[in-house]
C-alpha atoms as a PDB file:
ATOM      1  CA  UNK A   1      16.934 -10.717  -8.210  1.00  0.00           C
ATOM      2  CA  UNK A   2      16.428 -14.713  -9.588  1.00  0.00           C
ATOM      3  CA  UNK A   3      13.973 -17.475  -9.684  1.00  0.00           C
ATOM      4  CA  UNK A   4      11.952 -15.920 -11.811  1.00  0.00           C
ATOM      5  CA  UNK A   5      11.605 -12.118 -10.905  1.00  0.00           C
ATOM      6  CA  UNK A   6      11.596 -11.002 -14.060  1.00  0.00           C
ATOM      7  CA  UNK A   7      12.948  -7.336 -14.691  1.00  0.00           C
ATOM      8  CA  UNK A   8      10.513  -4.863 -16.439  1.00  0.00           C
ATOM      9  CA  UNK A   9      12.051  -2.078 -18.392  1.00  0.00           C
ATOM     10  CA  UNK A  10      10.616   1.051 -17.382  1.00  0.00           C
ATOM     11  CA  UNK A  11      11.497   4.259 -19.687  1.00  0.00           C
ATOM     12  CA  UNK A  12      10.973   6.837 -16.711  1.00  0.00           C
ATOM     13  CA  UNK A  13      11.810   7.387 -13.161  1.00  0.00           C
ATOM     14  CA  UNK A  14       9.146   6.251 -10.738  1.00  0.00           C
ATOM     15  CA  UNK A  15       7.112   8.638  -8.717  1.00  0.00           C
ATOM     16  CA  UNK A  16       3.979   6.747  -8.098  1.00  0.00           C
ATOM     17  CA  UNK A  17       2.998   3.528  -8.547  1.00  0.00           C
ATOM     18  CA  UNK A  18       0.186   0.785  -8.055  1.00  0.00           C
ATOM     19  CA  UNK A  19       1.856  -2.347  -8.996  1.00  0.00           C
ATOM     20  CA  UNK A  20      -0.374  -5.004 -10.320  1.00  0.00           C
ATOM     21  CA  UNK A  21      -3.779  -4.763  -9.635  1.00  0.00           C
ATOM     22  CA  UNK A  22      -4.147  -6.248  -6.298  1.00  0.00           C
ATOM     23  CA  UNK A  23      -5.716  -4.085  -3.689  1.00  0.00           C
ATOM     24  CA  UNK A  24      -5.134  -4.263   0.090  1.00  0.00           C
ATOM     25  CA  UNK A  25      -5.984  -7.676   1.528  1.00  0.00           C
ATOM     26  CA  UNK A  26      -7.995  -8.647   5.180  1.00  0.00           C
ATOM     27  CA  UNK A  27      -6.264 -10.895   7.551  1.00  0.00           C
ATOM     28  CA  UNK A  28      -7.589 -13.518   9.247  1.00  0.00           C
ATOM     29  CA  UNK A  29      -8.725 -12.895  12.979  1.00  0.00           C
ATOM     30  CA  UNK A  30      -5.737 -15.135  14.849  1.00  0.00           C
ATOM     31  CA  UNK A  31      -4.375 -13.006  18.017  1.00  0.00           C
ATOM     32  CA  UNK A  32      -1.593 -14.451  19.132  1.00  0.00           C
ATOM     33  CA  UNK A  33       1.719 -12.551  18.760  1.00  0.00           C
ATOM     34  CA  UNK A  34       4.691 -14.289  16.437  1.00  0.00           C
ATOM     35  CA  UNK A  35       7.533 -15.059  18.574  1.00  0.00           C
ATOM     36  CA  UNK A  36      10.440 -12.890  18.573  1.00  0.00           C
ATOM     37  CA  UNK A  37      13.942 -14.509  17.219  1.00  0.00           C
ATOM     38  CA  UNK A  38      16.758 -14.960  19.532  1.00  0.00           C
ATOM     39  CA  UNK A  39      18.767 -11.162  19.612  1.00  0.00           C
ATOM     40  CA  UNK A  40      16.055  -9.539  18.085  1.00  0.00           C
ATOM     41  CA  UNK A  41      15.850  -5.885  19.638  1.00  0.00           C
ATOM     42  CA  UNK A  42      11.982  -5.388  20.424  1.00  0.00           C
ATOM     43  CA  UNK A  43      11.288  -2.578  22.893  1.00  0.00           C
ATOM     44  CA  UNK A  44       8.656  -1.738  24.895  1.00  0.00           C
ATOM     45  CA  UNK A  45       6.103   0.457  23.175  1.00  0.00           C
ATOM     46  CA  UNK A  46       6.642   3.471  25.453  1.00  0.00           C
ATOM     47  CA  UNK A  47       9.814   4.322  23.812  1.00  0.00           C
ATOM     48  CA  UNK A  48       9.237   7.477  21.639  1.00  0.00           C
ATOM     49  CA  UNK A  49       9.593   6.415  17.895  1.00  0.00           C
ATOM     50  CA  UNK A  50      12.213   8.698  17.017  1.00  0.00           C
ATOM     51  CA  UNK A  51      14.482   7.681  19.837  1.00  0.00           C
ATOM     52  CA  UNK A  52      14.280   3.776  18.696  1.00  0.00           C
ATOM     53  CA  UNK A  53      17.963   3.089  17.831  1.00  0.00           C
ATOM     54  CA  UNK A  54      19.026   1.121  14.800  1.00  0.00           C
ATOM     55  CA  UNK A  55      17.697  -2.419  14.691  1.00  0.00           C
ATOM     56  CA  UNK A  56      14.962  -1.673  17.272  1.00  0.00           C
ATOM     57  CA  UNK A  57      11.290  -2.238  16.831  1.00  0.00           C
ATOM     58  CA  UNK A  58       7.505  -1.894  18.656  1.00  0.00           C
ATOM     59  CA  UNK A  59       5.234  -4.663  17.649  1.00  0.00           C
ATOM     60  CA  UNK A  60       1.795  -5.046  19.058  1.00  0.00           C
ATOM     61  CA  UNK A  61      -0.328  -6.830  16.379  1.00  0.00           C
ATOM     62  CA  UNK A  62      -3.265  -7.725  19.245  1.00  0.00           C
ATOM     63  CA  UNK A  63      -4.038  -3.663  18.798  1.00  0.00           C
ATOM     64  CA  UNK A  64      -5.844  -4.570  15.900  1.00  0.00           C
ATOM     65  CA  UNK A  65      -6.374  -8.623  15.305  1.00  0.00           C
ATOM     66  CA  UNK A  66      -7.917  -8.272  12.043  1.00  0.00           C
ATOM     67  CA  UNK A  67      -8.251  -5.917   9.042  1.00  0.00           C
ATOM     68  CA  UNK A  68      -6.177  -4.690   6.106  1.00  0.00           C
ATOM     69  CA  UNK A  69      -2.564  -4.049   6.181  1.00  0.00           C
ATOM     70  CA  UNK A  70      -0.415  -1.198   5.162  1.00  0.00           C
ATOM     71  CA  UNK A  71       3.114  -0.431   5.385  1.00  0.00           C
ATOM     72  CA  UNK A  72       4.600   2.998   5.338  1.00  0.00           C
ATOM     73  CA  UNK A  73       8.315   3.650   4.402  1.00  0.00           C
ATOM     74  CA  UNK A  74       9.413   7.282   5.555  1.00  0.00           C
ATOM     75  CA  UNK A  75      12.232   8.203   3.685  1.00  0.00           C
ATOM     76  CA  UNK A  76      13.562  11.297   6.367  1.00  0.00           C
ATOM     77  CA  UNK A  77      12.723   9.590   9.351  1.00  0.00           C
ATOM     78  CA  UNK A  78      14.031   5.960   7.845  1.00  0.00           C
ATOM     79  CA  UNK A  79      11.467   4.263   9.841  1.00  0.00           C
ATOM     80  CA  UNK A  80       8.831   1.798   8.735  1.00  0.00           C
ATOM     81  CA  UNK A  81       5.137   2.071  10.053  1.00  0.00           C
ATOM     82  CA  UNK A  82       2.835  -0.973   9.963  1.00  0.00           C
ATOM     83  CA  UNK A  83      -1.277  -0.508  10.149  1.00  0.00           C
ATOM     84  CA  UNK A  84      -3.905  -2.993  10.597  1.00  0.00           C
ATOM     85  CA  UNK A  85      -7.555  -1.661   9.713  1.00  0.00           C
ATOM     86  CA  UNK A  86      -6.136   1.631  10.719  1.00  0.00           C
ATOM     87  CA  UNK A  87      -4.758   1.012  13.285  1.00  0.00           C
ATOM     88  CA  UNK A  88      -0.516   1.116  14.112  1.00  0.00           C
ATOM     89  CA  UNK A  89       0.557  -2.057  15.148  1.00  0.00           C
ATOM     90  CA  UNK A  90       4.145  -1.733  14.608  1.00  0.00           C
ATOM     91  CA  UNK A  91       7.202   0.428  13.714  1.00  0.00           C
ATOM     92  CA  UNK A  92      10.947  -0.168  12.890  1.00  0.00           C
ATOM     93  CA  UNK A  93      13.901   1.399  11.971  1.00  0.00           C
ATOM     94  CA  UNK A  94      15.014   1.213   8.330  1.00  0.00           C
ATOM     95  CA  UNK A  95      17.575   1.787   6.159  1.00  0.00           C
ATOM     96  CA  UNK A  96      16.606   2.620   2.673  1.00  0.00           C
ATOM     97  CA  UNK A  97      18.801   3.381  -0.698  1.00  0.00           C
ATOM     98  CA  UNK A  98      21.871   5.715  -0.454  1.00  0.00           C
ATOM     99  CA  UNK A  99      23.245   8.473  -3.200  1.00  0.00           C
ATOM    100  CA  UNK A 100      22.628   6.818  -6.566  1.00  0.00           C
ATOM    101  CA  UNK A 101      20.605   3.864  -5.398  1.00  0.00           C
ATOM    102  CA  UNK A 102      17.729   5.760  -4.047  1.00  0.00           C
ATOM    103  CA  UNK A 103      14.514   4.329  -3.102  1.00  0.00           C
ATOM    104  CA  UNK A 104      11.577   5.594  -5.248  1.00  0.00           C
ATOM    105  CA  UNK A 105       8.781   7.262  -3.931  1.00  0.00           C
ATOM    106  CA  UNK A 106       5.255   5.935  -4.232  1.00  0.00           C
ATOM    107  CA  UNK A 107       2.538   3.879  -3.954  1.00  0.00           C
ATOM    108  CA  UNK A 108       3.322  -0.207  -3.966  1.00  0.00           C
ATOM    109  CA  UNK A 109       1.722  -3.681  -3.602  1.00  0.00           C
ATOM    110  CA  UNK A 110       3.742  -6.630  -2.622  1.00  0.00           C
ATOM    111  CA  UNK A 111       4.385  -8.809  -5.811  1.00  0.00           C
ATOM    112  CA  UNK A 112       5.914 -11.550  -4.441  1.00  0.00           C
ATOM    113  CA  UNK A 113       7.509 -13.028  -1.473  1.00  0.00           C
ATOM    114  CA  UNK A 114      10.253 -15.417  -0.413  1.00  0.00           C
ATOM    115  CA  UNK A 115      11.858 -16.303   2.881  1.00  0.00           C
ATOM    116  CA  UNK A 116      15.144 -16.974   1.313  1.00  0.00           C
ATOM    117  CA  UNK A 117      16.073 -14.982  -1.805  1.00  0.00           C
ATOM    118  CA  UNK A 118      19.364 -14.121  -2.733  1.00  0.00           C
ATOM    119  CA  UNK A 119      20.187 -11.156  -4.938  1.00  0.00           C
ATOM    120  CA  UNK A 120      21.380 -11.962  -8.714  1.00  0.00           C
ATOM    121  CA  UNK A 121      22.769  -8.339  -8.943  1.00  0.00           C
ATOM    122  CA  UNK A 122      25.154  -8.455  -5.674  1.00  0.00           C
ATOM    123  CA  UNK A 123      26.901 -11.453  -5.366  1.00  0.00           C
ATOM    124  CA  UNK A 124      24.263 -13.720  -4.110  1.00  0.00           C
ATOM    125  CA  UNK A 125      23.961 -11.299  -1.255  1.00  0.00           C
ATOM    126  CA  UNK A 126      21.164 -12.910   1.496  1.00  0.00           C
ATOM    127  CA  UNK A 127      17.703 -10.972   1.576  1.00  0.00           C
ATOM    128  CA  UNK A 128      15.903 -12.837   3.969  1.00  0.00           C
ATOM    129  CA  UNK A 129      12.144 -12.589   4.239  1.00  0.00           C
ATOM    130  CA  UNK A 130      11.778 -10.732   0.960  1.00  0.00           C
ATOM    131  CA  UNK A 131       8.767  -9.167   0.044  1.00  0.00           C
ATOM    132  CA  UNK A 132       9.071  -7.626  -3.572  1.00  0.00           C
ATOM    133  CA  UNK A 133       7.655  -4.489  -4.423  1.00  0.00           C
ATOM    134  CA  UNK A 134       8.616  -3.644  -8.219  1.00  0.00           C
ATOM    135  CA  UNK A 135       9.916  -5.878 -10.848  1.00  0.00           C
ATOM    136  CA  UNK A 136      12.965  -3.829 -11.748  1.00  0.00           C
ATOM    137  CA  UNK A 137      14.594  -4.999  -7.876  1.00  0.00           C
ATOM    138  CA  UNK A 138      13.337  -3.120  -5.317  1.00  0.00           C
ATOM    139  CA  UNK A 139      12.099  -4.909  -1.834  1.00  0.00           C
ATOM    140  CA  UNK A 140      11.269  -5.034   1.784  1.00  0.00           C
ATOM    141  CA  UNK A 141      13.822  -7.540   3.192  1.00  0.00           C
ATOM    142  CA  UNK A 142      16.210  -7.919   6.476  1.00  0.00           C
ATOM    143  CA  UNK A 143      19.306  -6.362   5.950  1.00  0.00           C
ATOM    144  CA  UNK A 144      22.134  -3.635   7.600  1.00  0.00           C
ATOM    145  CA  UNK A 145      20.996  -1.131   9.760  1.00  0.00           C
ATOM    146  CA  UNK A 146      23.834   1.662  10.313  1.00  0.00           C
ATOM    147  CA  UNK A 147      21.501   4.115  11.478  1.00  0.00           C
ATOM    148  CA  UNK A 148      21.041   6.090   7.521  1.00  0.00           C
ATOM    149  CA  UNK A 149      20.239   5.121   3.875  1.00  0.00           C
ATOM    150  CA  UNK A 150      23.022   2.355   3.039  1.00  0.00           C
ATOM    151  CA  UNK A 151      20.779  -0.269   0.829  1.00  0.00           C
ATOM    152  CA  UNK A 152      20.963  -0.571  -3.315  1.00  0.00           C
ATOM    153  CA  UNK A 153      17.418   0.960  -3.312  1.00  0.00           C
ATOM    154  CA  UNK A 154      15.631  -1.755  -1.077  1.00  0.00           C
ATOM    155  CA  UNK A 155      14.220  -1.078   2.416  1.00  0.00           C
ATOM    156  CA  UNK A 156      16.218  -3.124   4.930  1.00  0.00           C
ATOM    157  CA  UNK A 157      14.755  -4.283   7.841  1.00  0.00           C
ATOM    158  CA  UNK A 158      15.257  -5.992  11.345  1.00  0.00           C
ATOM    159  CA  UNK A 159      15.441  -9.599  11.067  1.00  0.00           C
ATOM    160  CA  UNK A 160      12.841 -10.242  13.704  1.00  0.00           C
ATOM    161  CA  UNK A 161      11.027  -7.378  12.278  1.00  0.00           C
ATOM    162  CA  UNK A 162      10.740  -8.649   9.139  1.00  0.00           C
ATOM    163  CA  UNK A 163       9.847 -12.048  10.116  1.00  0.00           C
ATOM    164  CA  UNK A 164       6.736 -10.692  12.059  1.00  0.00           C
ATOM    165  CA  UNK A 165       6.001  -8.647   8.861  1.00  0.00           C
ATOM    166  CA  UNK A 166       6.195 -11.084   6.639  1.00  0.00           C
ATOM    167  CA  UNK A 167       3.758 -13.337   8.356  1.00  0.00           C
ATOM    168  CA  UNK A 168       0.748 -10.726   8.347  1.00  0.00           C
ATOM    169  CA  UNK A 169       1.365  -9.221   4.468  1.00  0.00           C
ATOM    170  CA  UNK A 170       0.050 -10.917   1.412  1.00  0.00           C
ATOM    171  CA  UNK A 171       0.211 -10.374  -2.297  1.00  0.00           C
ATOM    172  CA  UNK A 172      -1.758  -6.625  -2.659  1.00  0.00           C
ATOM    173  CA  UNK A 173      -0.574  -5.307   0.506  1.00  0.00           C
ATOM    174  CA  UNK A 174       0.188  -1.436  -0.064  1.00  0.00           C
ATOM    175  CA  UNK A 175       3.631  -0.289   0.615  1.00  0.00           C
ATOM    176  CA  UNK A 176       3.754   3.657   0.770  1.00  0.00           C
ATOM    177  CA  UNK A 177       7.143   4.907   0.067  1.00  0.00           C
ATOM    178  CA  UNK A 178       7.181   8.692   0.975  1.00  0.00           C
ATOM    179  CA  UNK A 179       8.960  11.910   2.191  1.00  0.00           C
ATOM    180  CA  UNK A 180       6.202  12.756   4.935  1.00  0.00           C
ATOM    181  CA  UNK A 181       2.834  10.826   5.282  1.00  0.00           C
ATOM    182  CA  UNK A 182      -0.430  11.362   7.563  1.00  0.00           C
ATOM    183  CA  UNK A 183      -1.963   9.056  10.245  1.00  0.00           C
ATOM    184  CA  UNK A 184      -4.652   7.017   8.558  1.00  0.00           C
ATOM    185  CA  UNK A 185      -8.024   8.417   9.150  1.00  0.00           C
ATOM    186  CA  UNK A 186     -11.437   7.269   8.360  1.00  0.00           C
ATOM    187  CA  UNK A 187     -13.257   9.180   5.796  1.00  0.00           C
ATOM    188  CA  UNK A 188     -17.368   8.126   7.061  1.00  0.00           C
ATOM    189  CA  UNK A 189     -18.818   9.728   3.785  1.00  0.00           C
ATOM    190  CA  UNK A 190     -18.259   7.295   1.132  1.00  0.00           C
ATOM    191  CA  UNK A 191     -18.078  10.561  -1.306  1.00  0.00           C
ATOM    192  CA  UNK A 192     -18.875  10.906  -4.757  1.00  0.00           C
ATOM    193  CA  UNK A 193     -17.108   7.871  -6.153  1.00  0.00           C
ATOM    194  CA  UNK A 194     -18.447   5.202  -4.170  1.00  0.00           C
ATOM    195  CA  UNK A 195     -22.233   4.223  -5.515  1.00  0.00           C
ATOM    196  CA  UNK A 196     -25.038   3.890  -3.145  1.00  0.00           C
ATOM    197  CA  UNK A 197     -26.138   0.692  -4.547  1.00  0.00           C
ATOM    198  CA  UNK A 198     -22.425  -0.570  -3.806  1.00  0.00           C
ATOM    199  CA  UNK A 199     -22.509   0.825  -0.409  1.00  0.00           C
ATOM    200  CA  UNK A 200     -25.811  -1.391   0.442  1.00  0.00           C
ATOM    201  CA  UNK A 201     -24.804  -4.261  -1.312  1.00  0.00           C
ATOM    202  CA  UNK A 202     -21.708  -4.416   1.271  1.00  0.00           C
ATOM    203  CA  UNK A 203     -23.630  -3.619   4.315  1.00  0.00           C
ATOM    204  CA  UNK A 204     -26.109  -6.278   3.522  1.00  0.00           C
ATOM    205  CA  UNK A 205     -23.536  -8.652   2.959  1.00  0.00           C
ATOM    206  CA  UNK A 206     -22.689 -11.225   5.255  1.00  0.00           C
ATOM    207  CA  UNK A 207     -21.248 -15.127   5.432  1.00  0.00           C
ATOM    208  CA  UNK A 208     -23.715 -17.748   6.135  1.00  0.00           C
ATOM    209  CA  UNK A 209     -21.180 -19.045   8.572  1.00  0.00           C
ATOM    210  CA  UNK A 210     -20.217 -16.551  11.398  1.00  0.00           C
ATOM    211  CA  UNK A 211     -16.858 -18.274  12.489  1.00  0.00           C
ATOM    212  CA  UNK A 212     -14.401 -16.782  13.159  1.00  0.00           C
ATOM    213  CA  UNK A 213     -12.844 -18.806  10.319  1.00  0.00           C
ATOM    214  CA  UNK A 214     -16.005 -18.515   8.235  1.00  0.00           C
ATOM    215  CA  UNK A 215     -15.329 -14.884   8.467  1.00  0.00           C
ATOM    216  CA  UNK A 216     -11.876 -14.593   7.758  1.00  0.00           C
ATOM    217  CA  UNK A 217     -12.052 -17.083   4.586  1.00  0.00           C
ATOM    218  CA  UNK A 218     -15.040 -14.771   2.989  1.00  0.00           C
ATOM    219  CA  UNK A 219     -12.588 -11.579   3.721  1.00  0.00           C
ATOM    220  CA  UNK A 220     -10.000 -13.056   2.109  1.00  0.00           C
ATOM    221  CA  UNK A 221     -12.195 -14.279  -0.847  1.00  0.00           C
ATOM    222  CA  UNK A 222     -13.516 -10.210  -0.882  1.00  0.00           C
ATOM    223  CA  UNK A 223     -10.022  -9.016  -1.245  1.00  0.00           C
ATOM    224  CA  UNK A 224      -8.900 -11.330  -4.020  1.00  0.00           C
ATOM    225  CA  UNK A 225     -11.938  -9.653  -5.957  1.00  0.00           C
ATOM    226  CA  UNK A 226     -10.899  -6.254  -4.928  1.00  0.00           C
ATOM    227  CA  UNK A 227     -10.132  -3.847  -7.775  1.00  0.00           C
ATOM    228  CA  UNK A 228      -7.533  -0.988  -8.154  1.00  0.00           C
ATOM    229  CA  UNK A 229      -8.816   2.324  -8.803  1.00  0.00           C
ATOM    230  CA  UNK A 230      -6.821   5.513  -9.917  1.00  0.00           C
ATOM    231  CA  UNK A 231      -8.204   9.145 -10.327  1.00  0.00           C
ATOM    232  CA  UNK A 232      -5.745  11.683 -11.752  1.00  0.00           C
ATOM    233  CA  UNK A 233      -6.467  15.430 -11.634  1.00  0.00           C
ATOM    234  CA  UNK A 234      -3.882  16.005 -14.688  1.00  0.00           C
ATOM    235  CA  UNK A 235      -6.193  13.320 -16.852  1.00  0.00           C
ATOM    236  CA  UNK A 236      -9.481  14.341 -14.984  1.00  0.00           C
ATOM    237  CA  UNK A 237     -10.202  10.247 -15.487  1.00  0.00           C
ATOM    238  CA  UNK A 238     -10.754   6.977 -13.447  1.00  0.00           C
ATOM    239  CA  UNK A 239      -8.572   4.017 -14.356  1.00  0.00           C
ATOM    240  CA  UNK A 240      -9.873   0.870 -12.670  1.00  0.00           C
ATOM    241  CA  UNK A 241      -7.605  -2.359 -12.298  1.00  0.00           C
ATOM    242  CA  UNK A 242      -8.677  -5.817 -11.966  1.00  0.00           C
ATOM    243  CA  UNK A 243      -6.437  -9.024 -12.027  1.00  0.00           C
ATOM    244  CA  UNK A 244      -3.558  -6.815 -13.832  1.00  0.00           C
ATOM    245  CA  UNK A 245      -5.779  -5.613 -16.783  1.00  0.00           C
ATOM    246  CA  UNK A 246      -8.063  -2.225 -16.979  1.00  0.00           C
ATOM    247  CA  UNK A 247     -11.786  -2.990 -16.186  1.00  0.00           C
ATOM    248  CA  UNK A 248     -13.022   0.405 -16.479  1.00  0.00           C
ATOM    249  CA  UNK A 249     -11.834   3.863 -17.431  1.00  0.00           C
ATOM    250  CA  UNK A 250     -14.125   7.005 -17.157  1.00  0.00           C
ATOM    251  CA  UNK A 251     -14.087  10.275 -17.398  1.00  0.00           C
ATOM    252  CA  UNK A 252     -14.281  12.550 -14.009  1.00  0.00           C
ATOM    253  CA  UNK A 253     -15.315  16.018 -12.939  1.00  0.00           C
ATOM    254  CA  UNK A 254     -13.462  17.503  -9.993  1.00  0.00           C
ATOM    255  CA  UNK A 255     -14.891  20.540  -8.180  1.00  0.00           C
ATOM    256  CA  UNK A 256     -12.394  23.437  -8.205  1.00  0.00           C
ATOM    257  CA  UNK A 257      -9.716  22.028 -10.600  1.00  0.00           C
ATOM    258  CA  UNK A 258      -7.567  25.079 -10.007  1.00  0.00           C
ATOM    259  CA  UNK A 259      -6.693  23.479  -6.261  1.00  0.00           C
ATOM    260  CA  UNK A 260      -4.517  20.280  -6.092  1.00  0.00           C
ATOM    261  CA  UNK A 261      -5.937  17.288  -4.979  1.00  0.00           C
ATOM    262  CA  UNK A 262      -2.510  16.338  -3.660  1.00  0.00           C
ATOM    263  CA  UNK A 263      -1.601  12.627  -2.773  1.00  0.00           C
ATOM    264  CA  UNK A 264      -4.207  10.287  -1.314  1.00  0.00           C
ATOM    265  CA  UNK A 265      -4.699   6.564  -0.986  1.00  0.00           C
ATOM    266  CA  UNK A 266      -7.900   5.425   0.027  1.00  0.00           C
ATOM    267  CA  UNK A 267      -9.409   1.781   0.990  1.00  0.00           C
ATOM    268  CA  UNK A 268     -12.620   0.438   1.364  1.00  0.00           C
ATOM    269  CA  UNK A 269     -13.522  -1.432   4.617  1.00  0.00           C
ATOM    270  CA  UNK A 270     -16.423  -2.590   5.988  1.00  0.00           C
ATOM    271  CA  UNK A 271     -16.416  -2.094  10.295  1.00  0.00           C
ATOM    272  CA  UNK A 272     -19.375  -3.183  12.311  1.00  0.00           C
ATOM    273  CA  UNK A 273     -21.702  -3.445   9.545  1.00  0.00           C
ATOM    274  CA  UNK A 274     -20.332   0.557   8.246  1.00  0.00           C
ATOM    275  CA  UNK A 275     -18.812   1.316   4.880  1.00  0.00           C
ATOM    276  CA  UNK A 276     -16.283   3.452   5.007  1.00  0.00           C
ATOM    277  CA  UNK A 277     -12.751   4.769   3.557  1.00  0.00           C
ATOM    278  CA  UNK A 278      -9.590   4.789   5.517  1.00  0.00           C
ATOM    279  CA  UNK A 279      -7.309   7.615   3.990  1.00  0.00           C
ATOM    280  CA  UNK A 280      -3.589   8.074   3.794  1.00  0.00           C
ATOM    281  CA  UNK A 281      -2.234  11.411   2.529  1.00  0.00           C
ATOM    282  CA  UNK A 282       1.604  10.974   1.661  1.00  0.00           C
ATOM    283  CA  UNK A 283       4.393  13.418  -0.050  1.00  0.00           C
ATOM    284  CA  UNK A 284       7.065  12.534  -2.450  1.00  0.00           C
ATOM    285  CA  UNK A 285       8.875  14.267  -5.084  1.00  0.00           C
ATOM    286  CA  UNK A 286       7.598  17.615  -4.482  1.00  0.00           C
ATOM    287  CA  UNK A 287       3.827  16.381  -4.436  1.00  0.00           C
ATOM    288  CA  UNK A 288       2.034  17.044  -1.763  1.00  0.00           C
ATOM    289  CA  UNK A 289      -0.284  15.075   0.490  1.00  0.00           C
ATOM    290  CA  UNK A 290      -3.918  15.875  -0.031  1.00  0.00           C
ATOM    291  CA  UNK A 291      -6.799  15.965   2.776  1.00  0.00           C
ATOM    292  CA  UNK A 292      -8.746  13.068   2.962  1.00  0.00           C
ATOM    293  CA  UNK A 293     -12.172  13.734   3.020  1.00  0.00           C
ATOM    294  CA  UNK A 294     -11.390  16.803   0.857  1.00  0.00           C
ATOM    295  CA  UNK A 295     -10.242  15.090  -2.053  1.00  0.00           C
ATOM    296  CA  UNK A 296     -12.673  12.236  -2.686  1.00  0.00           C
ATOM    297  CA  UNK A 297     -15.770  14.620  -1.878  1.00  0.00           C
ATOM    298  CA  UNK A 298     -14.607  16.734  -4.980  1.00  0.00           C
ATOM    299  CA  UNK A 299     -14.196  14.047  -7.649  1.00  0.00           C
ATOM    300  CA  UNK A 300     -17.676  13.135  -9.193  1.00  0.00           C
ATOM    301  CA  UNK A 301     -17.653  10.061 -11.566  1.00  0.00           C
ATOM    302  CA  UNK A 302     -20.127   9.770 -15.194  1.00  0.00           C
ATOM    303  CA  UNK A 303     -23.268   7.778 -14.116  1.00  0.00           C
ATOM    304  CA  UNK A 304     -22.772   5.316 -16.566  1.00  0.00           C
ATOM    305  CA  UNK A 305     -19.500   4.195 -14.668  1.00  0.00           C
ATOM    306  CA  UNK A 306     -21.353   4.289 -11.272  1.00  0.00           C
ATOM    307  CA  UNK A 307     -23.475   1.704 -12.296  1.00  0.00           C
ATOM    308  CA  UNK A 308     -20.172  -0.283 -13.291  1.00  0.00           C
ATOM    309  CA  UNK A 309     -18.169   0.408 -10.407  1.00  0.00           C
ATOM    310  CA  UNK A 310     -21.084  -1.022  -7.963  1.00  0.00           C
ATOM    311  CA  UNK A 311     -20.482  -4.551  -9.601  1.00  0.00           C
ATOM    312  CA  UNK A 312     -16.662  -4.244  -8.968  1.00  0.00           C
ATOM    313  CA  UNK A 313     -16.487  -2.793  -5.597  1.00  0.00           C
ATOM    314  CA  UNK A 314     -15.749  -5.115  -2.326  1.00  0.00           C
ATOM    315  CA  UNK A 315     -14.198  -4.067   0.904  1.00  0.00           C
ATOM    316  CA  UNK A 316     -10.531  -3.790   0.738  1.00  0.00           C
ATOM    317  CA  UNK A 317     -10.610  -2.046  -2.914  1.00  0.00           C
ATOM    318  CA  UNK A 318      -8.174   0.691  -3.102  1.00  0.00           C
ATOM    319  CA  UNK A 319      -8.610   4.520  -4.492  1.00  0.00           C
ATOM    320  CA  UNK A 320      -5.897   6.331  -5.436  1.00  0.00           C
ATOM    321  CA  UNK A 321      -6.492   9.993  -5.962  1.00  0.00           C
ATOM    322  CA  UNK A 322      -3.431  11.885  -7.587  1.00  0.00           C
ATOM    323  CA  UNK A 323      -2.580  15.115  -9.574  1.00  0.00           C
ATOM    324  CA  UNK A 324       0.219  13.589 -11.616  1.00  0.00           C
ATOM    325  CA  UNK A 325      -0.697  12.455 -15.111  1.00  0.00           C
ATOM    326  CA  UNK A 326      -1.807   8.243 -15.486  1.00  0.00           C
ATOM    327  CA  UNK A 327      -2.444   7.414 -19.017  1.00  0.00           C
ATOM    328  CA  UNK A 328      -1.122   4.413 -21.195  1.00  0.00           C
ATOM    329  CA  UNK A 329       2.199   5.982 -21.792  1.00  0.00           C
ATOM    330  CA  UNK A 330       3.121   5.542 -17.916  1.00  0.00           C
ATOM    331  CA  UNK A 331       2.228   2.292 -17.829  1.00  0.00           C
ATOM    332  CA  UNK A 332       4.034  -1.146 -18.082  1.00  0.00           C
ATOM    333  CA  UNK A 333       3.167  -4.523 -18.320  1.00  0.00           C
ATOM    334  CA  UNK A 334       0.882  -5.516 -15.558  1.00  0.00           C
ATOM    335  CA  UNK A 335       2.059  -2.719 -13.103  1.00  0.00           C
ATOM    336  CA  UNK A 336       0.448   0.588 -12.984  1.00  0.00           C
ATOM    337  CA  UNK A 337       3.106   3.078 -12.866  1.00  0.00           C
ATOM    338  CA  UNK A 338       3.001   6.664 -13.048  1.00  0.00           C
ATOM    339  CA  UNK A 339       6.091   8.307 -13.876  1.00  0.00           C
ATOM    340  CA  UNK A 340       7.238  11.671 -14.465  1.00  0.00           C
ATOM    341  CA  UNK A 341      11.158  13.304 -15.308  1.00  0.00           C
ATOM    342  CA  UNK A 342      13.023  11.473 -18.643  1.00  0.00           C
ATOM    343  CA  UNK A 343      15.961   9.300 -16.762  1.00  0.00           C
ATOM    344  CA  UNK A 344      19.104  10.913 -17.682  1.00  0.00           C
END
């Protein structure tokens, strides 16, 4: 990579990552569909996902005109799924890292975006609509799609789909790269992590101007103040990140500690005045997907930490629950990286 995209040396292999402190960012309320490039391979939404041919995709942003965006890349299926506010608005074929250059499994956030990026590692190769996931060089971008893993670690997408995706993402949009995943599911019970004071504040907060532009601007501002939280079952600890720094750490109590929590990513949202989590469970590197409602209901944060959380939580904040450790040894710079297995 070039143009100021610095490298961070990681001493262990990525397993799960919350890169940076940005959270799931909401999208504006526009409903128009972007025009596809000539020669694109958009297909009807009645086409089964498993039958999409290399380069084909489905795109229907009107199904959820606004809300947070989450992207899931399925390594076994070589598919990229796009959800907005928990509703799937797009799916595309993709090509991930080949043998020796495997795409890391984990939870990442978009760190940088560049419409016309070129690789500094591979002969100035073009990487249109690049969206960086790690400082060490993994990104989403338009690229070759032979129907099997073929990249040097990036996630290749069709050109037209890359352009459409680029138009609805922001710094901080989460990207889950997984061996398998569950469909997003709403968890109406706030669990024991979300303080009652925060729930009340989020419910009663509303922009003075209720025009679509003002609502979108208010949502964007809230998202910029959102935090990322990690609960580690191994450490029995909560870590809260904001603006690339640790804002809070606190012990947690886990009910039935002998039963794995699994891997679950939650996003806090407000829809029609109600506050809820949307959850996505995923599998990767031998770690299984957690059960959305079960995992969050088993976690209790110390009372003094709950008071601080009430001041930090806003819609768009994320909570990542995992059985893996998440201590200081697994962090690199402003990235929050949970790693295991020493590199050979």
